[in-house]
Amino acid sequence: MVDQYPIQFDEAPPLGTTIRYYRGRLLKLVAITPYTRVDGRESAVLTWETPKGRRCTSGLRCKAVRWPDGAI
């Protein structure tokens, strides 16, 4: 079975971490923004950058990233 969460961390990884995402796209972690969830637990919003300079965000555990313009 394929893992449903291509981005899956227990805590924020170090800046510079590189992952392979959808269709082999490389994403490099460039920023971490602390975030307090509605239930009061601490989390983080991760900002990723492609080799071409496009940025997207994700949580610590998610099925997809969010692109500013909604495109992949």
PDB file of N, CA and C in Angstrom:
ATOM      1  N   MET A   1       0.834  -1.189   0.000  1.00  0.00           N
ATOM      2  CA  MET A   1       0.000   0.000   0.000  1.00  0.00           C
ATOM      3  C   MET A   1       0.874   1.246   0.000  1.00  0.00           C
ATOM      4  N   VAL A   2       0.515   2.195  -0.818  1.00  0.00           N
ATOM      5  CA  VAL A   2       1.253   3.443  -0.910  1.00  0.00           C
ATOM      6  C   VAL A   2       0.899   4.324   0.281  1.00  0.00           C
ATOM      7  N   ASP A   3       1.915   4.970   0.853  1.00  0.00           N
ATOM      8  CA  ASP A   3       1.676   5.869   1.985  1.00  0.00           C
ATOM      9  C   ASP A   3       0.786   7.020   1.529  1.00  0.00           C
ATOM     10  N   GLN A   4      -0.264   7.301   2.281  1.00  0.00           N
ATOM     11  CA  GLN A   4      -1.201   8.354   1.920  1.00  0.00           C
ATOM     12  C   GLN A   4      -0.660   9.756   2.186  1.00  0.00           C
ATOM     13  N   TYR A   5       0.399   9.854   2.962  1.00  0.00           N
ATOM     14  CA  TYR A   5       0.932  11.155   3.332  1.00  0.00           C
ATOM     15  C   TYR A   5       2.366  11.304   2.817  1.00  0.00           C
ATOM     16  N   PRO A   6       2.547  11.948   1.660  1.00  0.00           N
ATOM     17  CA  PRO A   6       3.901  12.116   1.131  1.00  0.00           C
ATOM     18  C   PRO A   6       4.759  13.034   2.006  1.00  0.00           C
ATOM     19  N   ILE A   7       4.111  13.902   2.784  1.00  0.00           N
ATOM     20  CA  ILE A   7       4.836  14.747   3.734  1.00  0.00           C
ATOM     21  C   ILE A   7       4.394  14.311   5.117  1.00  0.00           C
ATOM     22  N   GLN A   8       5.349  13.763   5.870  1.00  0.00           N
ATOM     23  CA  GLN A   8       4.987  13.194   7.168  1.00  0.00           C
ATOM     24  C   GLN A   8       6.156  13.327   8.131  1.00  0.00           C
ATOM     25  N   PHE A   9       6.038  14.279   9.054  1.00  0.00           N
ATOM     26  CA  PHE A   9       7.068  14.522  10.064  1.00  0.00           C
ATOM     27  C   PHE A   9       6.407  14.600  11.439  1.00  0.00           C
ATOM     28  N   ASP A  10       7.104  14.138  12.466  1.00  0.00           N
ATOM     29  CA  ASP A  10       6.624  14.271  13.839  1.00  0.00           C
ATOM     30  C   ASP A  10       6.928  15.664  14.387  1.00  0.00           C
ATOM     31  N   GLU A  11       8.011  16.251  13.891  1.00  0.00           N
ATOM     32  CA  GLU A  11       8.393  17.611  14.258  1.00  0.00           C
ATOM     33  C   GLU A  11       9.029  18.245  13.034  1.00  0.00           C
ATOM     34  N   ALA A  12       9.176  19.548  13.053  1.00  0.00           N
ATOM     35  CA  ALA A  12       9.714  20.248  11.889  1.00  0.00           C
ATOM     36  C   ALA A  12      11.128  19.760  11.570  1.00  0.00           C
ATOM     37  N   PRO A  13      11.376  19.393  10.316  1.00  0.00           N
ATOM     38  CA  PRO A  13      12.722  18.973   9.926  1.00  0.00           C
ATOM     39  C   PRO A  13      13.639  20.195   9.822  1.00  0.00           C
ATOM     40  N   PRO A  14      14.938  19.991   9.736  1.00  0.00           N
ATOM     41  CA  PRO A  14      15.846  21.137   9.627  1.00  0.00           C
ATOM     42  C   PRO A  14      15.682  21.861   8.280  1.00  0.00           C
ATOM     43  N   LEU A  15      15.930  23.168   8.303  1.00  0.00           N
ATOM     44  CA  LEU A  15      15.924  23.926   7.049  1.00  0.00           C
ATOM     45  C   LEU A  15      16.917  23.292   6.084  1.00  0.00           C
ATOM     46  N   GLY A  16      16.565  23.288   4.813  1.00  0.00           N
ATOM     47  CA  GLY A  16      17.424  22.681   3.801  1.00  0.00           C
ATOM     48  C   GLY A  16      17.050  21.244   3.471  1.00  0.00           C
ATOM     49  N   THR A  17      16.140  20.657   4.262  1.00  0.00           N
ATOM     50  CA  THR A  17      15.674  19.293   3.981  1.00  0.00           C
ATOM     51  C   THR A  17      15.052  19.262   2.589  1.00  0.00           C
ATOM     52  N   THR A  18      15.406  18.259   1.799  1.00  0.00           N
ATOM     53  CA  THR A  18      14.867  18.109   0.458  1.00  0.00           C
ATOM     54  C   THR A  18      14.054  16.828   0.393  1.00  0.00           C
ATOM     55  N   ILE A  19      12.869  16.922  -0.228  1.00  0.00           N
ATOM     56  CA  ILE A  19      12.018  15.746  -0.398  1.00  0.00           C
ATOM     57  C   ILE A  19      11.598  15.631  -1.857  1.00  0.00           C
ATOM     58  N   ARG A  20      11.205  14.420  -2.244  1.00  0.00           N
ATOM     59  CA  ARG A  20      10.596  14.207  -3.558  1.00  0.00           C
ATOM     60  C   ARG A  20       9.097  14.176  -3.342  1.00  0.00           C
ATOM     61  N   TYR A  21       8.401  14.988  -4.125  1.00  0.00           N
ATOM     62  CA  TYR A  21       6.965  15.121  -3.980  1.00  0.00           C
ATOM     63  C   TYR A  21       6.307  14.615  -5.267  1.00  0.00           C
ATOM     64  N   TYR A  22       5.090  14.956  -5.486  1.00  0.00           N
ATOM     65  CA  TYR A  22       4.278  14.553  -6.627  1.00  0.00           C
ATOM     66  C   TYR A  22       5.071  14.520  -7.936  1.00  0.00           C
ATOM     67  N   ARG A  23       5.042  13.361  -8.609  1.00  0.00           N
ATOM     68  CA  ARG A  23       5.727  13.145  -9.888  1.00  0.00           C
ATOM     69  C   ARG A  23       7.223  13.422  -9.813  1.00  0.00           C
ATOM     70  N   GLY A  24       7.819  13.175  -8.659  1.00  0.00           N
ATOM     71  CA  GLY A  24       9.261  13.319  -8.503  1.00  0.00           C
ATOM     72  C   GLY A  24       9.761  14.736  -8.315  1.00  0.00           C
ATOM     73  N   ARG A  25       8.852  15.688  -8.164  1.00  0.00           N
ATOM     74  CA  ARG A  25       9.246  17.086  -7.999  1.00  0.00           C
ATOM     75  C   ARG A  25      10.040  17.253  -6.711  1.00  0.00           C
ATOM     76  N   LEU A  26      11.176  17.934  -6.800  1.00  0.00           N
ATOM     77  CA  LEU A  26      11.996  18.197  -5.620  1.00  0.00           C
ATOM     78  C   LEU A  26      11.486  19.442  -4.901  1.00  0.00           C
ATOM     79  N   LEU A  27      11.392  19.346  -3.593  1.00  0.00           N
ATOM     80  CA  LEU A  27      11.020  20.481  -2.751  1.00  0.00           C
ATOM     81  C   LEU A  27      12.058  20.622  -1.650  1.00  0.00           C
ATOM     82  N   LYS A  28      12.534  21.845  -1.446  1.00  0.00           N
ATOM     83  CA  LYS A  28      13.520  22.134  -0.397  1.00  0.00           C
ATOM     84  C   LYS A  28      12.860  23.010   0.660  1.00  0.00           C
ATOM     85  N   LEU A  29      13.019  22.633   1.928  1.00  0.00           N
ATOM     86  CA  LEU A  29      12.442  23.385   3.039  1.00  0.00           C
ATOM     87  C   LEU A  29      13.227  24.684   3.241  1.00  0.00           C
ATOM     88  N   VAL A  30      12.513  25.823   3.131  1.00  0.00           N
ATOM     89  CA  VAL A  30      13.180  27.122   3.237  1.00  0.00           C
ATOM     90  C   VAL A  30      12.708  27.959   4.424  1.00  0.00           C
ATOM     91  N   ALA A  31      11.569  27.593   5.038  1.00  0.00           N
ATOM     92  CA  ALA A  31      11.088  28.355   6.199  1.00  0.00           C
ATOM     93  C   ALA A  31      10.166  27.488   7.043  1.00  0.00           C
ATOM     94  N   ILE A  32      10.170  27.765   8.340  1.00  0.00           N
ATOM     95  CA  ILE A  32       9.295  27.082   9.294  1.00  0.00           C
ATOM     96  C   ILE A  32       8.613  28.162  10.128  1.00  0.00           C
ATOM     97  N   THR A  33       7.282  28.152  10.124  1.00  0.00           N
ATOM     98  CA  THR A  33       6.519  29.127  10.892  1.00  0.00           C
ATOM     99  C   THR A  33       5.756  28.398  11.987  1.00  0.00           C
ATOM    100  N   PRO A  34       6.045  28.691  13.257  1.00  0.00           N
ATOM    101  CA  PRO A  34       5.306  28.049  14.349  1.00  0.00           C
ATOM    102  C   PRO A  34       3.812  28.350  14.228  1.00  0.00           C
ATOM    103  N   TYR A  35       3.007  27.385  14.635  1.00  0.00           N
ATOM    104  CA  TYR A  35       1.563  27.496  14.493  1.00  0.00           C
ATOM    105  C   TYR A  35       0.896  26.787  15.665  1.00  0.00           C
ATOM    106  N   THR A  36      -0.079  27.422  16.290  1.00  0.00           N
ATOM    107  CA  THR A  36      -0.848  26.792  17.362  1.00  0.00           C
ATOM    108  C   THR A  36      -2.184  26.343  16.780  1.00  0.00           C
ATOM    109  N   ARG A  37      -2.434  25.043  16.851  1.00  0.00           N
ATOM    110  CA  ARG A  37      -3.669  24.484  16.309  1.00  0.00           C
ATOM    111  C   ARG A  37      -4.867  24.881  17.165  1.00  0.00           C
ATOM    112  N   VAL A  38      -6.055  24.709  16.631  1.00  0.00           N
ATOM    113  CA  VAL A  38      -7.289  25.040  17.344  1.00  0.00           C
ATOM    114  C   VAL A  38      -7.380  24.269  18.657  1.00  0.00           C
ATOM    115  N   ASP A  39      -6.867  23.025  18.671  1.00  0.00           N
ATOM    116  CA  ASP A  39      -6.927  22.224  19.893  1.00  0.00           C
ATOM    117  C   ASP A  39      -5.835  22.594  20.900  1.00  0.00           C
ATOM    118  N   GLY A  40      -5.025  23.617  20.583  1.00  0.00           N
ATOM    119  CA  GLY A  40      -3.999  24.094  21.498  1.00  0.00           C
ATOM    120  C   GLY A  40      -2.634  23.467  21.322  1.00  0.00           C
ATOM    121  N   ARG A  41      -2.518  22.437  20.505  1.00  0.00           N
ATOM    122  CA  ARG A  41      -1.212  21.800  20.295  1.00  0.00           C
ATOM    123  C   ARG A  41      -0.347  22.643  19.367  1.00  0.00           C
ATOM    124  N   GLU A  42       0.948  22.601  19.617  1.00  0.00           N
ATOM    125  CA  GLU A  42       1.900  23.334  18.783  1.00  0.00           C
ATOM    126  C   GLU A  42       2.186  22.535  17.514  1.00  0.00           C
ATOM    127  N   SER A  43       2.306  23.240  16.410  1.00  0.00           N
ATOM    128  CA  SER A  43       2.621  22.622  15.122  1.00  0.00           C
ATOM    129  C   SER A  43       3.467  23.617  14.333  1.00  0.00           C
ATOM    130  N   ALA A  44       3.551  23.427  13.023  1.00  0.00           N
ATOM    131  CA  ALA A  44       4.328  24.342  12.184  1.00  0.00           C
ATOM    132  C   ALA A  44       3.787  24.319  10.768  1.00  0.00           C
ATOM    133  N   VAL A  45       3.948  25.450  10.098  1.00  0.00           N
ATOM    134  CA  VAL A  45       3.674  25.536   8.666  1.00  0.00           C
ATOM    135  C   VAL A  45       5.038  25.516   7.984  1.00  0.00           C
ATOM    136  N   LEU A  46       5.219  24.582   7.070  1.00  0.00           N
ATOM    137  CA  LEU A  46       6.483  24.426   6.360  1.00  0.00           C
ATOM    138  C   LEU A  46       6.390  25.097   4.998  1.00  0.00           C
ATOM    139  N   THR A  47       7.392  25.887   4.655  1.00  0.00           N
ATOM    140  CA  THR A  47       7.440  26.530   3.336  1.00  0.00           C
ATOM    141  C   THR A  47       8.510  25.836   2.510  1.00  0.00           C
ATOM    142  N   TRP A  48       8.103  25.357   1.348  1.00  0.00           N
ATOM    143  CA  TRP A  48       8.967  24.603   0.441  1.00  0.00           C
ATOM    144  C   TRP A  48       9.227  25.412  -0.823  1.00  0.00           C
ATOM    145  N   GLU A  49      10.379  25.160  -1.456  1.00  0.00           N
ATOM    146  CA  GLU A  49      10.720  25.841  -2.699  1.00  0.00           C
ATOM    147  C   GLU A  49      11.187  24.833  -3.739  1.00  0.00           C
ATOM    148  N   THR A  50      10.725  25.012  -4.975  1.00  0.00           N
ATOM    149  CA  THR A  50      11.162  24.153  -6.070  1.00  0.00           C
ATOM    150  C   THR A  50      12.498  24.672  -6.604  1.00  0.00           C
ATOM    151  N   PRO A  51      13.209  23.880  -7.408  1.00  0.00           N
ATOM    152  CA  PRO A  51      14.457  24.378  -8.008  1.00  0.00           C
ATOM    153  C   PRO A  51      14.248  25.624  -8.875  1.00  0.00           C
ATOM    154  N   LYS A  52      13.022  25.831  -9.383  1.00  0.00           N
ATOM    155  CA  LYS A  52      12.730  27.010 -10.212  1.00  0.00           C
ATOM    156  C   LYS A  52      12.294  28.224  -9.378  1.00  0.00           C
ATOM    157  N   GLY A  53      12.248  28.073  -8.046  1.00  0.00           N
ATOM    158  CA  GLY A  53      11.945  29.195  -7.171  1.00  0.00           C
ATOM    159  C   GLY A  53      10.490  29.352  -6.768  1.00  0.00           C
ATOM    160  N   ARG A  54       9.604  28.462  -7.208  1.00  0.00           N
ATOM    161  CA  ARG A  54       8.194  28.530  -6.781  1.00  0.00           C
ATOM    162  C   ARG A  54       8.094  28.059  -5.339  1.00  0.00           C
ATOM    163  N   ARG A  55       7.256  28.704  -4.560  1.00  0.00           N
ATOM    164  CA  ARG A  55       7.088  28.339  -3.150  1.00  0.00           C
ATOM    165  C   ARG A  55       5.694  27.801  -2.890  1.00  0.00           C
ATOM    166  N   CYS A  56       5.624  26.872  -1.941  1.00  0.00           N
ATOM    167  CA  CYS A  56       4.358  26.299  -1.508  1.00  0.00           C
ATOM    168  C   CYS A  56       4.478  26.014  -0.019  1.00  0.00           C
ATOM    169  N   THR A  57       3.350  25.725   0.617  1.00  0.00           N
ATOM    170  CA  THR A  57       3.351  25.452   2.053  1.00  0.00           C
ATOM    171  C   THR A  57       2.666  24.121   2.342  1.00  0.00           C
ATOM    172  N   SER A  58       2.992  23.587   3.509  1.00  0.00           N
ATOM    173  CA  SER A  58       2.359  22.348   3.963  1.00  0.00           C
ATOM    174  C   SER A  58       2.372  22.330   5.483  1.00  0.00           C
ATOM    175  N   GLY A  59       1.657  21.373   6.031  1.00  0.00           N
ATOM    176  CA  GLY A  59       1.742  21.095   7.456  1.00  0.00           C
ATOM    177  C   GLY A  59       2.817  20.044   7.669  1.00  0.00           C
ATOM    178  N   LEU A  60       2.919  19.552   8.896  1.00  0.00           N
ATOM    179  CA  LEU A  60       3.899  18.501   9.194  1.00  0.00           C
ATOM    180  C   LEU A  60       3.493  17.163   8.587  1.00  0.00           C
ATOM    181  N   ARG A  61       2.196  16.942   8.472  1.00  0.00           N
ATOM    182  CA  ARG A  61       1.691  15.689   7.907  1.00  0.00           C
ATOM    183  C   ARG A  61       0.541  16.037   6.976  1.00  0.00           C
ATOM    184  N   CYS A  62       0.723  15.796   5.688  1.00  0.00           N
ATOM    185  CA  CYS A  62      -0.330  16.170   4.750  1.00  0.00           C
ATOM    186  C   CYS A  62      -0.232  15.378   3.447  1.00  0.00           C
ATOM    187  N   LYS A  63      -1.340  15.358   2.742  1.00  0.00           N
ATOM    188  CA  LYS A  63      -1.418  14.678   1.456  1.00  0.00           C
ATOM    189  C   LYS A  63      -1.015  15.592   0.310  1.00  0.00           C
ATOM    190  N   ALA A  64      -1.090  16.881   0.506  1.00  0.00           N
ATOM    191  CA  ALA A  64      -0.809  17.827  -0.572  1.00  0.00           C
ATOM    192  C   ALA A  64      -0.229  19.115  -0.016  1.00  0.00           C
ATOM    193  N   VAL A  65       0.475  19.832  -0.886  1.00  0.00           N
ATOM    194  CA  VAL A  65       0.976  21.153  -0.524  1.00  0.00           C
ATOM    195  C   VAL A  65       0.010  22.196  -1.078  1.00  0.00           C
ATOM    196  N   ARG A  66       0.136  23.407  -0.599  1.00  0.00           N
ATOM    197  CA  ARG A  66      -0.708  24.505  -1.084  1.00  0.00           C
ATOM    198  C   ARG A  66       0.162  25.470  -1.874  1.00  0.00           C
ATOM    199  N   TRP A  67      -0.200  25.634  -3.141  1.00  0.00           N
ATOM    200  CA  TRP A  67       0.494  26.603  -4.014  1.00  0.00           C
ATOM    201  C   TRP A  67      -0.268  27.923  -3.937  1.00  0.00           C
ATOM    202  N   PRO A  68       0.413  29.060  -3.957  1.00  0.00           N
ATOM    203  CA  PRO A  68      -0.269  30.353  -3.855  1.00  0.00           C
ATOM    204  C   PRO A  68      -1.354  30.562  -4.902  1.00  0.00           C
ATOM    205  N   ASP A  69      -1.137  30.086  -6.120  1.00  0.00           N
ATOM    206  CA  ASP A  69      -2.120  30.298  -7.185  1.00  0.00           C
ATOM    207  C   ASP A  69      -3.029  29.083  -7.378  1.00  0.00           C
ATOM    208  N   GLY A  70      -2.882  28.054  -6.538  1.00  0.00           N
ATOM    209  CA  GLY A  70      -3.732  26.871  -6.623  1.00  0.00           C
ATOM    210  C   GLY A  70      -3.305  25.858  -7.666  1.00  0.00           C
ATOM    211  N   ALA A  71      -2.308  26.180  -8.478  1.00  0.00           N
ATOM    212  CA  ALA A  71      -1.852  25.260  -9.514  1.00  0.00           C
ATOM    213  C   ALA A  71      -0.803  24.311  -8.971  1.00  0.00           C
ATOM    214  N   ILE A  72      -0.629  23.195  -9.642  1.00  0.00           N
ATOM    215  CA  ILE A  72       0.397  22.228  -9.232  1.00  0.00           C
ATOM    216  C   ILE A  72       1.723  22.591  -9.834  1.00  0.00           C
TER     217      ILE A  72
END
